[in-house]
Amino acid sequence: MDKKVLLDEKNALGRRTLDVWGEENGNLIFDAWDFGDGVEKILGCREYEWRWTVLAKNVPLFEKALESNLSMMDAIVERFSGDLSGDVGDFLKQHNIPYEWWSRRGD
């Protein structure tokens, strides 16, 4: 699946991005990067990356929870773009959708 940009925000505090794509093996990836003064104020370093992976076996749960007639990727873009991008984690938890989590702090 093609990568979709859910958030690409630049301001005086830095830059924040969140992308989503599907891997060939069927996993669904949410990948984020935060950089700048805003991150440093909160975490004490200028860069933070994180990734949530919904394994292929759990993607049907995610798609069903979206309750949309759109394609899954279009439904994700509609539901989680821009200011709504921060809702992805809560959505996964609220619908008991298992996911793997990875993060890295540092410059």
PDB file of N, CA and C in Angstrom:
ATOM      1  N   MET A   1       0.842  -1.189   0.000  1.00  0.00           N
ATOM      2  CA  MET A   1       0.000   0.000   0.000  1.00  0.00           C
ATOM      3  C   MET A   1       0.881   1.243   0.000  1.00  0.00           C
ATOM      4  N   ASP A   2       0.408   2.244  -0.656  1.00  0.00           N
ATOM      5  CA  ASP A   2       1.135   3.507  -0.703  1.00  0.00           C
ATOM      6  C   ASP A   2       1.154   4.167   0.662  1.00  0.00           C
ATOM      7  N   LYS A   3       2.246   4.860   0.925  1.00  0.00           N
ATOM      8  CA  LYS A   3       2.349   5.624   2.166  1.00  0.00           C
ATOM      9  C   LYS A   3       1.415   6.822   2.098  1.00  0.00           C
ATOM     10  N   LYS A   4       0.721   7.063   3.201  1.00  0.00           N
ATOM     11  CA  LYS A   4      -0.157   8.225   3.336  1.00  0.00           C
ATOM     12  C   LYS A   4       0.376   9.107   4.457  1.00  0.00           C
ATOM     13  N   VAL A   5       0.341  10.386   4.244  1.00  0.00           N
ATOM     14  CA  VAL A   5       0.781  11.358   5.251  1.00  0.00           C
ATOM     15  C   VAL A   5      -0.436  11.771   6.065  1.00  0.00           C
ATOM     16  N   LEU A   6      -0.388  11.506   7.359  1.00  0.00           N
ATOM     17  CA  LEU A   6      -1.462  11.919   8.262  1.00  0.00           C
ATOM     18  C   LEU A   6      -1.160  13.261   8.910  1.00  0.00           C
ATOM     19  N   LEU A   7       0.126  13.538   9.109  1.00  0.00           N
ATOM     20  CA  LEU A   7       0.528  14.801   9.733  1.00  0.00           C
ATOM     21  C   LEU A   7       1.909  15.179   9.220  1.00  0.00           C
ATOM     22  N   ASP A   8       2.072  16.411   8.829  1.00  0.00           N
ATOM     23  CA  ASP A   8       3.381  16.986   8.506  1.00  0.00           C
ATOM     24  C   ASP A   8       3.287  18.449   8.906  1.00  0.00           C
ATOM     25  N   GLU A   9       3.676  18.711  10.121  1.00  0.00           N
ATOM     26  CA  GLU A   9       3.462  20.024  10.733  1.00  0.00           C
ATOM     27  C   GLU A   9       4.811  20.657  11.073  1.00  0.00           C
ATOM     28  N   LYS A  10       4.986  21.886  10.637  1.00  0.00           N
ATOM     29  CA  LYS A  10       6.187  22.657  10.961  1.00  0.00           C
ATOM     30  C   LYS A  10       5.747  23.954  11.615  1.00  0.00           C
ATOM     31  N   ASN A  11       6.397  24.284  12.738  1.00  0.00           N
ATOM     32  CA  ASN A  11       6.105  25.556  13.397  1.00  0.00           C
ATOM     33  C   ASN A  11       7.335  25.985  14.184  1.00  0.00           C
ATOM     34  N   ALA A  12       7.210  27.010  15.005  1.00  0.00           N
ATOM     35  CA  ALA A  12       8.348  27.542  15.756  1.00  0.00           C
ATOM     36  C   ALA A  12       8.943  26.512  16.718  1.00  0.00           C
ATOM     37  N   LEU A  13       8.156  25.511  17.111  1.00  0.00           N
ATOM     38  CA  LEU A  13       8.647  24.492  18.049  1.00  0.00           C
ATOM     39  C   LEU A  13       9.326  23.314  17.362  1.00  0.00           C
ATOM     40  N   GLY A  14       9.204  23.219  16.042  1.00  0.00           N
ATOM     41  CA  GLY A  14       9.867  22.135  15.330  1.00  0.00           C
ATOM     42  C   GLY A  14       8.985  21.514  14.266  1.00  0.00           C
ATOM     43  N   ARG A  15       9.184  20.226  14.076  1.00  0.00           N
ATOM     44  CA  ARG A  15       8.447  19.492  13.044  1.00  0.00           C
ATOM     45  C   ARG A  15       7.911  18.190  13.614  1.00  0.00           C
ATOM     46  N   ARG A  16       6.699  17.832  13.185  1.00  0.00           N
ATOM     47  CA  ARG A  16       6.060  16.570  13.582  1.00  0.00           C
ATOM     48  C   ARG A  16       5.508  15.907  12.335  1.00  0.00           C
ATOM     49  N   THR A  17       5.755  14.607  12.213  1.00  0.00           N
ATOM     50  CA  THR A  17       5.206  13.863  11.082  1.00  0.00           C
ATOM     51  C   THR A  17       4.577  12.559  11.576  1.00  0.00           C
ATOM     52  N   LEU A  18       3.576  12.105  10.846  1.00  0.00           N
ATOM     53  CA  LEU A  18       2.987  10.789  11.071  1.00  0.00           C
ATOM     54  C   LEU A  18       2.550  10.251   9.719  1.00  0.00           C
ATOM     55  N   ASP A  19       3.110   9.112   9.349  1.00  0.00           N
ATOM     56  CA  ASP A  19       2.780   8.440   8.097  1.00  0.00           C
ATOM     57  C   ASP A  19       2.192   7.075   8.404  1.00  0.00           C
ATOM     58  N   VAL A  20       1.447   6.541   7.450  1.00  0.00           N
ATOM     59  CA  VAL A  20       0.892   5.193   7.583  1.00  0.00           C
ATOM     60  C   VAL A  20       1.062   4.477   6.247  1.00  0.00           C
ATOM     61  N   TRP A  21       1.360   3.186   6.313  1.00  0.00           N
ATOM     62  CA  TRP A  21       1.432   2.375   5.108  1.00  0.00           C
ATOM     63  C   TRP A  21       1.247   0.912   5.466  1.00  0.00           C
ATOM     64  N   GLY A  22       0.963   0.142   4.458  1.00  0.00           N
ATOM     65  CA  GLY A  22       0.860  -1.302   4.626  1.00  0.00           C
ATOM     66  C   GLY A  22       2.076  -1.972   4.033  1.00  0.00           C
ATOM     67  N   GLU A  23       2.641  -2.916   4.763  1.00  0.00           N
ATOM     68  CA  GLU A  23       3.790  -3.665   4.268  1.00  0.00           C
ATOM     69  C   GLU A  23       3.310  -4.815   3.377  1.00  0.00           C
ATOM     70  N   GLU A  24       4.222  -5.349   2.588  1.00  0.00           N
ATOM     71  CA  GLU A  24       3.886  -6.473   1.708  1.00  0.00           C
ATOM     72  C   GLU A  24       3.354  -7.670   2.490  1.00  0.00           C
ATOM     73  N   ASN A  25       3.821  -7.844   3.729  1.00  0.00           N
ATOM     74  CA  ASN A  25       3.383  -8.981   4.550  1.00  0.00           C
ATOM     75  C   ASN A  25       2.019  -8.746   5.202  1.00  0.00           C
ATOM     76  N   GLY A  26       1.415  -7.572   4.950  1.00  0.00           N
ATOM     77  CA  GLY A  26       0.086  -7.277   5.480  1.00  0.00           C
ATOM     78  C   GLY A  26       0.076  -6.455   6.755  1.00  0.00           C
ATOM     79  N   ASN A  27       1.239  -6.224   7.375  1.00  0.00           N
ATOM     80  CA  ASN A  27       1.291  -5.380   8.567  1.00  0.00           C
ATOM     81  C   ASN A  27       0.934  -3.941   8.212  1.00  0.00           C
ATOM     82  N   LEU A  28       0.315  -3.252   9.151  1.00  0.00           N
ATOM     83  CA  LEU A  28      -0.036  -1.843   9.004  1.00  0.00           C
ATOM     84  C   LEU A  28       0.885  -1.043   9.917  1.00  0.00           C
ATOM     85  N   ILE A  29       1.584  -0.069   9.350  1.00  0.00           N
ATOM     86  CA  ILE A  29       2.607   0.689  10.074  1.00  0.00           C
ATOM     87  C   ILE A  29       2.186   2.143  10.239  1.00  0.00           C
ATOM     88  N   PHE A  30       2.229   2.635  11.481  1.00  0.00           N
ATOM     89  CA  PHE A  30       2.100   4.056  11.782  1.00  0.00           C
ATOM     90  C   PHE A  30       3.471   4.508  12.261  1.00  0.00           C
ATOM     91  N   ASP A  31       4.071   5.466  11.571  1.00  0.00           N
ATOM     92  CA  ASP A  31       5.451   5.863  11.828  1.00  0.00           C
ATOM     93  C   ASP A  31       5.517   7.370  12.054  1.00  0.00           C
ATOM     94  N   ALA A  32       6.083   7.784  13.185  1.00  0.00           N
ATOM     95  CA  ALA A  32       6.103   9.204  13.544  1.00  0.00           C
ATOM     96  C   ALA A  32       7.510   9.686  13.865  1.00  0.00           C
ATOM     97  N   TRP A  33       7.712  10.974  13.680  1.00  0.00           N
ATOM     98  CA  TRP A  33       8.980  11.626  13.975  1.00  0.00           C
ATOM     99  C   TRP A  33       8.669  13.028  14.472  1.00  0.00           C
ATOM    100  N   ASP A  34       9.208  13.364  15.626  1.00  0.00           N
ATOM    101  CA  ASP A  34       9.068  14.700  16.210  1.00  0.00           C
ATOM    102  C   ASP A  34      10.467  15.259  16.411  1.00  0.00           C
ATOM    103  N   PHE A  35      10.670  16.520  16.026  1.00  0.00           N
ATOM    104  CA  PHE A  35      12.000  17.113  16.112  1.00  0.00           C
ATOM    105  C   PHE A  35      11.900  18.589  16.455  1.00  0.00           C
ATOM    106  N   GLY A  36      12.767  19.047  17.354  1.00  0.00           N
ATOM    107  CA  GLY A  36      12.876  20.473  17.591  1.00  0.00           C
ATOM    108  C   GLY A  36      12.756  20.880  19.044  1.00  0.00           C
ATOM    109  N   ASP A  37      12.567  22.177  19.238  1.00  0.00           N
ATOM    110  CA  ASP A  37      12.507  22.769  20.573  1.00  0.00           C
ATOM    111  C   ASP A  37      11.362  22.194  21.403  1.00  0.00           C
ATOM    112  N   GLY A  38      10.226  21.924  20.777  1.00  0.00           N
ATOM    113  CA  GLY A  38       9.082  21.371  21.510  1.00  0.00           C
ATOM    114  C   GLY A  38       9.391  20.024  22.121  1.00  0.00           C
ATOM    115  N   VAL A  39      10.081  19.187  21.385  1.00  0.00           N
ATOM    116  CA  VAL A  39      10.482  17.864  21.903  1.00  0.00           C
ATOM    117  C   VAL A  39      11.482  18.036  23.036  1.00  0.00           C
ATOM    118  N   GLU A  40      12.416  18.952  22.850  1.00  0.00           N
ATOM    119  CA  GLU A  40      13.443  19.174  23.873  1.00  0.00           C
ATOM    120  C   GLU A  40      12.827  19.657  25.185  1.00  0.00           C
ATOM    121  N   LYS A  41      11.824  20.507  25.112  1.00  0.00           N
ATOM    122  CA  LYS A  41      11.151  20.996  26.322  1.00  0.00           C
ATOM    123  C   LYS A  41      10.469  19.860  27.088  1.00  0.00           C
ATOM    124  N   ILE A  42       9.932  18.882  26.356  1.00  0.00           N
ATOM    125  CA  ILE A  42       9.188  17.791  26.991  1.00  0.00           C
ATOM    126  C   ILE A  42      10.096  16.621  27.379  1.00  0.00           C
ATOM    127  N   LEU A  43      10.998  16.229  26.469  1.00  0.00           N
ATOM    128  CA  LEU A  43      11.783  15.005  26.670  1.00  0.00           C
ATOM    129  C   LEU A  43      13.257  15.231  26.995  1.00  0.00           C
ATOM    130  N   GLY A  44      13.728  16.474  26.825  1.00  0.00           N
ATOM    131  CA  GLY A  44      15.126  16.751  27.124  1.00  0.00           C
ATOM    132  C   GLY A  44      16.065  16.389  25.982  1.00  0.00           C
ATOM    133  N   CYS A  45      15.528  16.016  24.847  1.00  0.00           N
ATOM    134  CA  CYS A  45      16.314  15.772  23.636  1.00  0.00           C
ATOM    135  C   CYS A  45      15.530  16.354  22.469  1.00  0.00           C
ATOM    136  N   ARG A  46      16.186  16.528  21.348  1.00  0.00           N
ATOM    137  CA  ARG A  46      15.548  17.230  20.225  1.00  0.00           C
ATOM    138  C   ARG A  46      14.829  16.315  19.252  1.00  0.00           C
ATOM    139  N   GLU A  47      14.952  15.004  19.418  1.00  0.00           N
ATOM    140  CA  GLU A  47      14.346  14.097  18.445  1.00  0.00           C
ATOM    141  C   GLU A  47      13.673  12.925  19.142  1.00  0.00           C
ATOM    142  N   TYR A  48      12.497  12.569  18.639  1.00  0.00           N
ATOM    143  CA  TYR A  48      11.756  11.415  19.148  1.00  0.00           C
ATOM    144  C   TYR A  48      11.090  10.724  17.967  1.00  0.00           C
ATOM    145  N   GLU A  49      11.283   9.440  17.859  1.00  0.00           N
ATOM    146  CA  GLU A  49      10.648   8.642  16.820  1.00  0.00           C
ATOM    147  C   GLU A  49       9.848   7.535  17.476  1.00  0.00           C
ATOM    148  N   TRP A  50       8.734   7.149  16.857  1.00  0.00           N
ATOM    149  CA  TRP A  50       7.989   5.998  17.355  1.00  0.00           C
ATOM    150  C   TRP A  50       7.272   5.321  16.201  1.00  0.00           C
ATOM    151  N   ARG A  51       6.974   4.057  16.405  1.00  0.00           N
ATOM    152  CA  ARG A  51       6.286   3.272  15.385  1.00  0.00           C
ATOM    153  C   ARG A  51       5.325   2.306  16.061  1.00  0.00           C
ATOM    154  N   TRP A  52       4.119   2.272  15.551  1.00  0.00           N
ATOM    155  CA  TRP A  52       3.133   1.273  15.961  1.00  0.00           C
ATOM    156  C   TRP A  52       2.910   0.352  14.778  1.00  0.00           C
ATOM    157  N   THR A  53       2.977  -0.942  15.021  1.00  0.00           N
ATOM    158  CA  THR A  53       2.758  -1.939  13.982  1.00  0.00           C
ATOM    159  C   THR A  53       1.560  -2.788  14.365  1.00  0.00           C
ATOM    160  N   VAL A  54       0.537  -2.752  13.512  1.00  0.00           N
ATOM    161  CA  VAL A  54      -0.600  -3.649  13.658  1.00  0.00           C
ATOM    162  C   VAL A  54      -0.275  -4.849  12.771  1.00  0.00           C
ATOM    163  N   LEU A  55      -0.049  -6.001  13.404  1.00  0.00           N
ATOM    164  CA  LEU A  55       0.314  -7.183  12.637  1.00  0.00           C
ATOM    165  C   LEU A  55      -0.807  -7.586  11.689  1.00  0.00           C
ATOM    166  N   ALA A  56      -0.433  -8.205  10.586  1.00  0.00           N
ATOM    167  CA  ALA A  56      -1.388  -8.575   9.536  1.00  0.00           C
ATOM    168  C   ALA A  56      -2.605  -9.310  10.088  1.00  0.00           C
ATOM    169  N   LYS A  57      -2.383 -10.188  11.044  1.00  0.00           N
ATOM    170  CA  LYS A  57      -3.507 -10.964  11.589  1.00  0.00           C
ATOM    171  C   LYS A  57      -4.521 -10.089  12.328  1.00  0.00           C
ATOM    172  N   ASN A  58      -4.098  -8.878  12.747  1.00  0.00           N
ATOM    173  CA  ASN A  58      -4.989  -7.970  13.468  1.00  0.00           C
ATOM    174  C   ASN A  58      -5.534  -6.831  12.609  1.00  0.00           C
ATOM    175  N   VAL A  59      -5.054  -6.709  11.385  1.00  0.00           N
ATOM    176  CA  VAL A  59      -5.525  -5.645  10.500  1.00  0.00           C
ATOM    177  C   VAL A  59      -7.034  -5.742  10.245  1.00  0.00           C
ATOM    178  N   PRO A  60      -7.617  -6.948  10.064  1.00  0.00           N
ATOM    179  CA  PRO A  60      -9.073  -7.006   9.896  1.00  0.00           C
ATOM    180  C   PRO A  60      -9.845  -6.418  11.086  1.00  0.00           C
ATOM    181  N   LEU A  61      -9.326  -6.566  12.306  1.00  0.00           N
ATOM    182  CA  LEU A  61      -9.956  -5.945  13.476  1.00  0.00           C
ATOM    183  C   LEU A  61      -9.936  -4.426  13.353  1.00  0.00           C
ATOM    184  N   PHE A  62      -8.794  -3.913  12.920  1.00  0.00           N
ATOM    185  CA  PHE A  62      -8.638  -2.470  12.742  1.00  0.00           C
ATOM    186  C   PHE A  62      -9.605  -1.965  11.676  1.00  0.00           C
ATOM    187  N   GLU A  63      -9.640  -2.661  10.541  1.00  0.00           N
ATOM    188  CA  GLU A  63     -10.506  -2.236   9.443  1.00  0.00           C
ATOM    189  C   GLU A  63     -11.980  -2.267   9.852  1.00  0.00           C
ATOM    190  N   LYS A  64     -12.382  -3.302  10.572  1.00  0.00           N
ATOM    191  CA  LYS A  64     -13.767  -3.402  11.035  1.00  0.00           C
ATOM    192  C   LYS A  64     -14.106  -2.262  12.000  1.00  0.00           C
ATOM    193  N   ALA A  65     -13.177  -1.938  12.893  1.00  0.00           N
ATOM    194  CA  ALA A  65     -13.410  -0.876  13.877  1.00  0.00           C
ATOM    195  C   ALA A  65     -13.572   0.491  13.215  1.00  0.00           C
ATOM    196  N   LEU A  66     -12.989   0.679  12.040  1.00  0.00           N
ATOM    197  CA  LEU A  66     -13.123   1.951  11.333  1.00  0.00           C
ATOM    198  C   LEU A  66     -14.564   2.216  10.897  1.00  0.00           C
ATOM    199  N   GLU A  67     -15.338   1.158  10.709  1.00  0.00           N
ATOM    200  CA  GLU A  67     -16.746   1.286  10.313  1.00  0.00           C
ATOM    201  C   GLU A  67     -16.926   2.259   9.153  1.00  0.00           C
ATOM    202  N   SER A  68     -16.224   1.983   8.054  1.00  0.00           N
ATOM    203  CA  SER A  68     -16.275   2.870   6.899  1.00  0.00           C
ATOM    204  C   SER A  68     -16.497   2.069   5.627  1.00  0.00           C
ATOM    205  N   ASN A  69     -17.145   2.702   4.672  1.00  0.00           N
ATOM    206  CA  ASN A  69     -17.312   2.105   3.347  1.00  0.00           C
ATOM    207  C   ASN A  69     -16.149   2.447   2.422  1.00  0.00           C
ATOM    208  N   LEU A  70     -15.253   3.300   2.885  1.00  0.00           N
ATOM    209  CA  LEU A  70     -14.071   3.661   2.108  1.00  0.00           C
ATOM    210  C   LEU A  70     -13.045   2.534   2.182  1.00  0.00           C
ATOM    211  N   SER A  71     -12.043   2.584   1.321  1.00  0.00           N
ATOM    212  CA  SER A  71     -10.922   1.655   1.474  1.00  0.00           C
ATOM    213  C   SER A  71     -10.299   1.926   2.839  1.00  0.00           C
ATOM    214  N   MET A  72      -9.606   0.943   3.371  1.00  0.00           N
ATOM    215  CA  MET A  72      -9.037   1.112   4.708  1.00  0.00           C
ATOM    216  C   MET A  72      -8.101   2.322   4.765  1.00  0.00           C
ATOM    217  N   MET A  73      -7.232   2.481   3.769  1.00  0.00           N
ATOM    218  CA  MET A  73      -6.293   3.600   3.802  1.00  0.00           C
ATOM    219  C   MET A  73      -7.020   4.941   3.693  1.00  0.00           C
ATOM    220  N   ASP A  74      -8.036   5.022   2.852  1.00  0.00           N
ATOM    221  CA  ASP A  74      -8.795   6.271   2.753  1.00  0.00           C
ATOM    222  C   ASP A  74      -9.546   6.558   4.057  1.00  0.00           C
ATOM    223  N   ALA A  75     -10.048   5.512   4.699  1.00  0.00           N
ATOM    224  CA  ALA A  75     -10.731   5.693   5.986  1.00  0.00           C
ATOM    225  C   ALA A  75      -9.757   6.163   7.060  1.00  0.00           C
ATOM    226  N   ILE A  76      -8.533   5.640   7.040  1.00  0.00           N
ATOM    227  CA  ILE A  76      -7.502   6.077   7.995  1.00  0.00           C
ATOM    228  C   ILE A  76      -7.193   7.553   7.784  1.00  0.00           C
ATOM    229  N   VAL A  77      -6.997   7.945   6.536  1.00  0.00           N
ATOM    230  CA  VAL A  77      -6.703   9.354   6.228  1.00  0.00           C
ATOM    231  C   VAL A  77      -7.852  10.247   6.682  1.00  0.00           C
ATOM    232  N   GLU A  78      -9.078   9.830   6.397  1.00  0.00           N
ATOM    233  CA  GLU A  78     -10.243  10.631   6.783  1.00  0.00           C
ATOM    234  C   GLU A  78     -10.348  10.778   8.303  1.00  0.00           C
ATOM    235  N   ARG A  79     -10.064   9.708   9.027  1.00  0.00           N
ATOM    236  CA  ARG A  79     -10.281   9.695  10.476  1.00  0.00           C
ATOM    237  C   ARG A  79      -9.109  10.246  11.290  1.00  0.00           C
ATOM    238  N   PHE A  80      -7.877  10.124  10.777  1.00  0.00           N
ATOM    239  CA  PHE A  80      -6.701  10.433  11.598  1.00  0.00           C
ATOM    240  C   PHE A  80      -5.748  11.468  10.997  1.00  0.00           C
ATOM    241  N   SER A  81      -6.203  12.312  10.104  1.00  0.00           N
ATOM    242  CA  SER A  81      -5.308  13.318   9.519  1.00  0.00           C
ATOM    243  C   SER A  81      -5.279  14.600  10.343  1.00  0.00           C
ATOM    244  N   GLY A  82      -4.169  15.300  10.216  1.00  0.00           N
ATOM    245  CA  GLY A  82      -4.016  16.615  10.843  1.00  0.00           C
ATOM    246  C   GLY A  82      -4.158  16.570  12.351  1.00  0.00           C
ATOM    247  N   ASP A  83      -5.031  17.419  12.873  1.00  0.00           N
ATOM    248  CA  ASP A  83      -5.220  17.504  14.322  1.00  0.00           C
ATOM    249  C   ASP A  83      -5.747  16.204  14.925  1.00  0.00           C
ATOM    250  N   LEU A  84      -6.306  15.333  14.106  1.00  0.00           N
ATOM    251  CA  LEU A  84      -6.856  14.059  14.595  1.00  0.00           C
ATOM    252  C   LEU A  84      -5.805  12.946  14.652  1.00  0.00           C
ATOM    253  N   SER A  85      -4.591  13.242  14.205  1.00  0.00           N
ATOM    254  CA  SER A  85      -3.551  12.205  14.152  1.00  0.00           C
ATOM    255  C   SER A  85      -3.219  11.648  15.538  1.00  0.00           C
ATOM    256  N   GLY A  86      -3.389  12.434  16.560  1.00  0.00           N
ATOM    257  CA  GLY A  86      -3.111  11.975  17.914  1.00  0.00           C
ATOM    258  C   GLY A  86      -4.119  10.972  18.449  1.00  0.00           C
ATOM    259  N   ASP A  87      -5.190  10.732  17.700  1.00  0.00           N
ATOM    260  CA  ASP A  87      -6.235   9.816  18.153  1.00  0.00           C
ATOM    261  C   ASP A  87      -5.954   8.351  17.829  1.00  0.00           C
ATOM    262  N   VAL A  88      -4.918   8.070  17.041  1.00  0.00           N
ATOM    263  CA  VAL A  88      -4.645   6.696  16.611  1.00  0.00           C
ATOM    264  C   VAL A  88      -4.442   5.766  17.802  1.00  0.00           C
ATOM    265  N   GLY A  89      -3.597   6.145  18.743  1.00  0.00           N
ATOM    266  CA  GLY A  89      -3.311   5.286  19.901  1.00  0.00           C
ATOM    267  C   GLY A  89      -4.541   4.986  20.728  1.00  0.00           C
ATOM    268  N   ASP A  90      -5.325   6.011  20.990  1.00  0.00           N
ATOM    269  CA  ASP A  90      -6.560   5.804  21.753  1.00  0.00           C
ATOM    270  C   ASP A  90      -7.516   4.885  21.013  1.00  0.00           C
ATOM    271  N   PHE A  91      -7.578   5.031  19.693  1.00  0.00           N
ATOM    272  CA  PHE A  91      -8.451   4.188  18.876  1.00  0.00           C
ATOM    273  C   PHE A  91      -8.032   2.715  18.997  1.00  0.00           C
ATOM    274  N   LEU A  92      -6.738   2.457  18.893  1.00  0.00           N
ATOM    275  CA  LEU A  92      -6.241   1.086  19.022  1.00  0.00           C
ATOM    276  C   LEU A  92      -6.600   0.497  20.387  1.00  0.00           C
ATOM    277  N   LYS A  93      -6.388   1.270  21.426  1.00  0.00           N
ATOM    278  CA  LYS A  93      -6.685   0.798  22.782  1.00  0.00           C
ATOM    279  C   LYS A  93      -8.188   0.620  22.999  1.00  0.00           C
ATOM    280  N   GLN A  94      -8.961   1.587  22.555  1.00  0.00           N
ATOM    281  CA  GLN A  94     -10.412   1.552  22.745  1.00  0.00           C
ATOM    282  C   GLN A  94     -11.035   0.327  22.078  1.00  0.00           C
ATOM    283  N   HIS A  95     -10.478  -0.087  20.949  1.00  0.00           N
ATOM    284  CA  HIS A  95     -11.029  -1.216  20.199  1.00  0.00           C
ATOM    285  C   HIS A  95     -10.265  -2.517  20.439  1.00  0.00           C
ATOM    286  N   ASN A  96      -9.381  -2.500  21.448  1.00  0.00           N
ATOM    287  CA  ASN A  96      -8.609  -3.700  21.819  1.00  0.00           C
ATOM    288  C   ASN A  96      -7.886  -4.317  20.627  1.00  0.00           C
ATOM    289  N   ILE A  97      -7.274  -3.478  19.839  1.00  0.00           N
ATOM    290  CA  ILE A  97      -6.514  -3.941  18.685  1.00  0.00           C
ATOM    291  C   ILE A  97      -5.051  -4.054  19.101  1.00  0.00           C
ATOM    292  N   PRO A  98      -4.515  -5.257  19.123  1.00  0.00           N
ATOM    293  CA  PRO A  98      -3.113  -5.431  19.517  1.00  0.00           C
ATOM    294  C   PRO A  98      -2.173  -4.746  18.522  1.00  0.00           C
ATOM    295  N   TYR A  99      -1.091  -4.201  19.049  1.00  0.00           N
ATOM    296  CA  TYR A  99      -0.075  -3.587  18.197  1.00  0.00           C
ATOM    297  C   TYR A  99       1.271  -3.683  18.896  1.00  0.00           C
ATOM    298  N   GLU A 100       2.315  -3.651  18.084  1.00  0.00           N
ATOM    299  CA  GLU A 100       3.674  -3.610  18.625  1.00  0.00           C
ATOM    300  C   GLU A 100       4.131  -2.170  18.618  1.00  0.00           C
ATOM    301  N   TRP A 101       4.940  -1.826  19.628  1.00  0.00           N
ATOM    302  CA  TRP A 101       5.379  -0.442  19.789  1.00  0.00           C
ATOM    303  C   TRP A 101       6.896  -0.370  19.852  1.00  0.00           C
ATOM    304  N   TRP A 102       7.463   0.603  19.168  1.00  0.00           N
ATOM    305  CA  TRP A 102       8.892   0.879  19.199  1.00  0.00           C
ATOM    306  C   TRP A 102       9.068   2.386  19.292  1.00  0.00           C
ATOM    307  N   SER A 103      10.085   2.821  20.031  1.00  0.00           N
ATOM    308  CA  SER A 103      10.390   4.253  20.063  1.00  0.00           C
ATOM    309  C   SER A 103      11.874   4.460  20.287  1.00  0.00           C
ATOM    310  N   ARG A 104      12.319   5.669  19.962  1.00  0.00           N
ATOM    311  CA  ARG A 104      13.708   6.059  20.155  1.00  0.00           C
ATOM    312  C   ARG A 104      13.759   7.534  20.486  1.00  0.00           C
ATOM    313  N   ARG A 105      14.525   7.870  21.512  1.00  0.00           N
ATOM    314  CA  ARG A 105      14.780   9.265  21.890  1.00  0.00           C
ATOM    315  C   ARG A 105      16.248   9.559  21.603  1.00  0.00           C
ATOM    316  N   GLY A 106      16.514  10.765  21.198  1.00  0.00           N
ATOM    317  CA  GLY A 106      17.904  11.148  21.044  1.00  0.00           C
ATOM    318  C   GLY A 106      18.145  11.941  19.791  1.00  0.00           C
ATOM    319  N   ASP A 107      19.306  12.577  19.767  1.00  0.00           N
ATOM    320  CA  ASP A 107      19.663  13.422  18.638  1.00  0.00           C
ATOM    321  C   ASP A 107      20.533  12.665  17.658  1.00  0.00           C
TER     322      ASP A 107
END
